């Protein structure tokens, strides 16, 4: 396949989302601090420290997971006699290139409430990769770029209550 740097996945939000994350940590710390001070006289403020530590651990785990999410996937290389490859860029800025033959599965999950989709990409010998929400892409470029992969789409398994799907 002759490819000229075709875009397969382009996330709507590419930022690391520092401001909302720091704001949430600050609001939680302020709430737990005020609650801890109010309960300090009875000696029952230990829960505030535990809750704050659990919240910080949860934020750190989410940050590590979010930095691994994909924001862009492109077809690179290819041409007469050369196989095409995939260039995957993550939220943290890390860019990796993989052979298109290493892709086992491409699943695009369409959100039935918003006009967005999520990408699930499975490479041979690696963990599944998840993409940040983006506009639903056409599956034909994925099928051309990764001919050995199982390429599919499905609707999300959730919806808005009271609205028929």
Protein backbone atom coordinates (compact mmCIF):
# COMPACT_ATOMS: atom_id res chain seq x y z
CA UNK A 1 0.00 0.00 0.00
CA UNK A 2 1.38 3.37 -0.93
CA UNK A 3 0.55 5.78 1.83
CA UNK A 4 1.41 9.39 2.23
CA UNK A 5 1.13 10.03 5.95
CA UNK A 6 -2.64 9.38 6.23
CA UNK A 7 -4.36 10.35 9.47
CA UNK A 8 -6.34 7.49 11.06
CA UNK A 9 -7.17 8.83 14.52
CA UNK A 10 -7.18 12.43 15.74
CA UNK A 11 -8.39 13.10 19.29
CA UNK A 12 -10.42 16.20 20.05
CA UNK A 13 -8.44 17.01 23.20
CA UNK A 14 -4.66 16.58 23.08
CA UNK A 15 -3.76 18.45 26.25
CA UNK A 16 -2.61 16.91 29.50
CA UNK A 17 -5.54 18.59 31.33
CA UNK A 18 -3.43 20.00 34.15
CA UNK A 19 -5.72 22.85 35.16
CA UNK A 20 -8.87 20.77 35.86
CA UNK A 21 -6.83 18.09 37.60
CA UNK A 22 -5.05 20.60 39.87
CA UNK A 23 -8.32 22.40 40.55
CA UNK A 24 -9.94 19.13 41.61
CA UNK A 25 -7.03 18.26 43.88
CA UNK A 26 -7.18 21.75 45.45
CA UNK A 27 -10.93 21.62 46.07
CA UNK A 28 -10.68 18.16 47.60
CA UNK A 29 -7.75 19.20 49.81
CA UNK A 30 -9.62 22.31 50.98
CA UNK A 31 -12.76 20.33 51.78
CA UNK A 32 -10.87 17.63 53.64
CA UNK A 33 -8.80 20.27 55.47
CA UNK A 34 -11.88 22.16 56.68
CA UNK A 35 -13.63 18.93 57.65
CA UNK A 36 -10.50 17.74 59.47
CA UNK A 37 -10.20 21.01 61.39
CA UNK A 38 -13.85 20.87 62.42
CA UNK A 39 -13.47 17.33 63.70
CA UNK A 40 -9.97 17.77 65.15
CA UNK A 41 -11.29 18.54 68.63
CA UNK A 42 -12.88 15.09 68.95
CA UNK A 43 -9.84 13.27 67.59
CA UNK A 44 -11.77 11.87 64.60
CA UNK A 45 -9.82 13.69 61.89
CA UNK A 46 -7.74 10.69 60.79
CA UNK A 47 -10.28 9.84 58.10
CA UNK A 48 -9.54 13.15 56.38
CA UNK A 49 -5.87 12.22 56.02
CA UNK A 50 -6.76 8.77 54.71
CA UNK A 51 -9.30 10.17 52.26
CA UNK A 52 -6.80 12.74 51.00
CA UNK A 53 -4.11 10.10 50.52
CA UNK A 54 -6.54 7.83 48.64
CA UNK A 55 -7.61 10.73 46.44
CA UNK A 56 -4.00 11.59 45.59
CA UNK A 57 -3.24 7.93 44.80
CA UNK A 58 -6.29 7.79 42.54
CA UNK A 59 -5.26 10.99 40.74
CA UNK A 60 -1.72 9.67 40.25
CA UNK A 61 -3.03 6.38 38.82
CA UNK A 62 -5.36 8.24 36.46
CA UNK A 63 -2.53 10.54 35.36
CA UNK A 64 -0.27 7.57 34.54
CA UNK A 65 -3.09 5.84 32.63
CA UNK A 66 -4.08 9.01 30.77
CA UNK A 67 -0.52 9.72 29.59
CA UNK A 68 -0.55 6.37 27.75
CA UNK A 69 -3.73 7.14 25.81
CA UNK A 70 -3.49 7.75 22.07
CA UNK A 71 -4.23 11.15 20.58
CA UNK A 72 -3.08 10.48 17.03
CA UNK A 73 -2.53 7.52 14.72
CA UNK A 74 -1.02 7.93 11.24
CA UNK A 75 -0.01 5.65 8.40
CA UNK A 76 3.63 6.30 7.53
CA UNK A 77 6.04 4.85 5.05
CA UNK A 78 4.84 2.28 2.62
CA UNK A 79 5.40 2.25 -1.08
CA UNK A 80 6.54 -0.21 -3.68
CA UNK A 81 8.08 -3.17 -1.91
CA UNK A 82 7.92 -1.60 1.57
CA UNK A 83 5.20 -2.27 4.12
CA UNK A 84 3.34 0.61 5.67
CA UNK A 85 3.68 1.37 9.35
CA UNK A 86 1.73 3.14 12.06
CA UNK A 87 2.95 6.15 13.99
CA UNK A 88 1.16 6.38 17.34
CA UNK A 89 1.37 9.54 19.46
CA UNK A 90 0.27 9.58 23.08
CA UNK A 91 -0.88 12.32 25.44
CA UNK A 92 2.53 12.54 27.07
CA UNK A 93 4.13 13.29 23.71
CA UNK A 94 5.74 9.89 23.21
CA UNK A 95 5.68 8.74 19.59
CA UNK A 96 6.20 5.13 18.54
CA UNK A 97 6.22 3.46 15.15
CA UNK A 98 4.94 -0.06 14.57
CA UNK A 99 4.59 -2.33 11.58
CA UNK A 100 1.02 -2.56 10.35
CA UNK A 101 1.30 -6.36 10.54
CA UNK A 102 1.63 -6.14 14.35
CA UNK A 103 -1.91 -4.76 14.70
CA UNK A 104 -4.27 -7.52 15.78
CA UNK A 105 -7.49 -5.63 16.44
CA UNK A 106 -8.95 -2.18 15.89
CA UNK A 107 -12.25 -1.46 17.62
CA UNK A 108 -14.05 1.87 17.38
CA UNK A 109 -16.72 2.29 20.06
CA UNK A 110 -19.36 4.84 19.08
CA UNK A 111 -20.91 6.83 21.90
CA UNK A 112 -24.67 6.84 21.47
CA UNK A 113 -25.18 10.02 23.48
CA UNK A 114 -22.51 12.31 22.02
CA UNK A 115 -21.10 12.32 18.50
CA UNK A 116 -17.78 10.86 19.66
CA UNK A 117 -15.96 7.55 19.45
CA UNK A 118 -13.24 5.82 21.41
CA UNK A 119 -10.44 3.71 19.96
CA UNK A 120 -9.23 0.37 21.27
CA UNK A 121 -6.12 -0.85 19.53
CA UNK A 122 -4.48 -4.21 20.20
CA UNK A 123 -0.89 -4.83 19.06
CA UNK A 124 0.81 -8.21 18.98
CA UNK A 125 2.97 -8.68 22.06
CA UNK A 126 1.66 -5.64 23.92
CA UNK A 127 -1.08 -4.27 26.09
CA UNK A 128 -4.21 -2.80 24.54
CA UNK A 129 -3.99 0.88 23.71
CA UNK A 130 -6.88 3.26 24.26
CA UNK A 131 -7.54 6.47 22.39
CA UNK A 132 -8.94 9.69 23.69
CA UNK A 133 -12.43 10.55 22.39
CA UNK A 134 -12.56 11.78 18.81
CA UNK A 135 -14.93 12.10 15.89
CA UNK A 136 -15.91 8.66 14.58
CA UNK A 137 -13.45 7.78 11.81
CA UNK A 138 -14.15 5.80 8.67
CA UNK A 139 -13.06 2.17 9.02
CA UNK A 140 -11.91 1.78 5.42
CA UNK A 141 -8.53 3.53 5.97
CA UNK A 142 -7.94 1.29 8.99
CA UNK A 143 -8.70 -1.80 6.89
CA UNK A 144 -6.32 -0.65 4.15
CA UNK A 145 -3.56 0.27 6.60
CA UNK A 146 -3.85 -2.93 8.67
CA UNK A 147 -5.01 -5.71 6.32
CA UNK A 148 -4.31 -8.52 8.82
CA UNK A 149 -6.16 -6.88 11.70
CA UNK A 150 -9.74 -7.43 12.75
CA UNK A 151 -11.27 -3.98 12.24
CA UNK A 152 -14.72 -3.34 13.64
CA UNK A 153 -17.07 -0.89 15.27
CA UNK A 154 -19.84 -1.17 17.81
CA UNK A 155 -22.18 1.06 19.73
CA UNK A 156 -21.46 1.79 23.36
CA UNK A 157 -23.21 -0.34 25.93
CA UNK A 158 -24.61 2.65 27.80
CA UNK A 159 -27.17 5.26 26.95
CA UNK A 160 -29.33 8.01 28.36
CA UNK A 161 -32.24 6.73 30.43
CA UNK A 162 -35.60 7.45 28.87
CA UNK A 163 -34.27 8.04 25.38
CA UNK A 164 -34.72 5.11 23.02
CA UNK A 165 -31.58 4.06 21.18
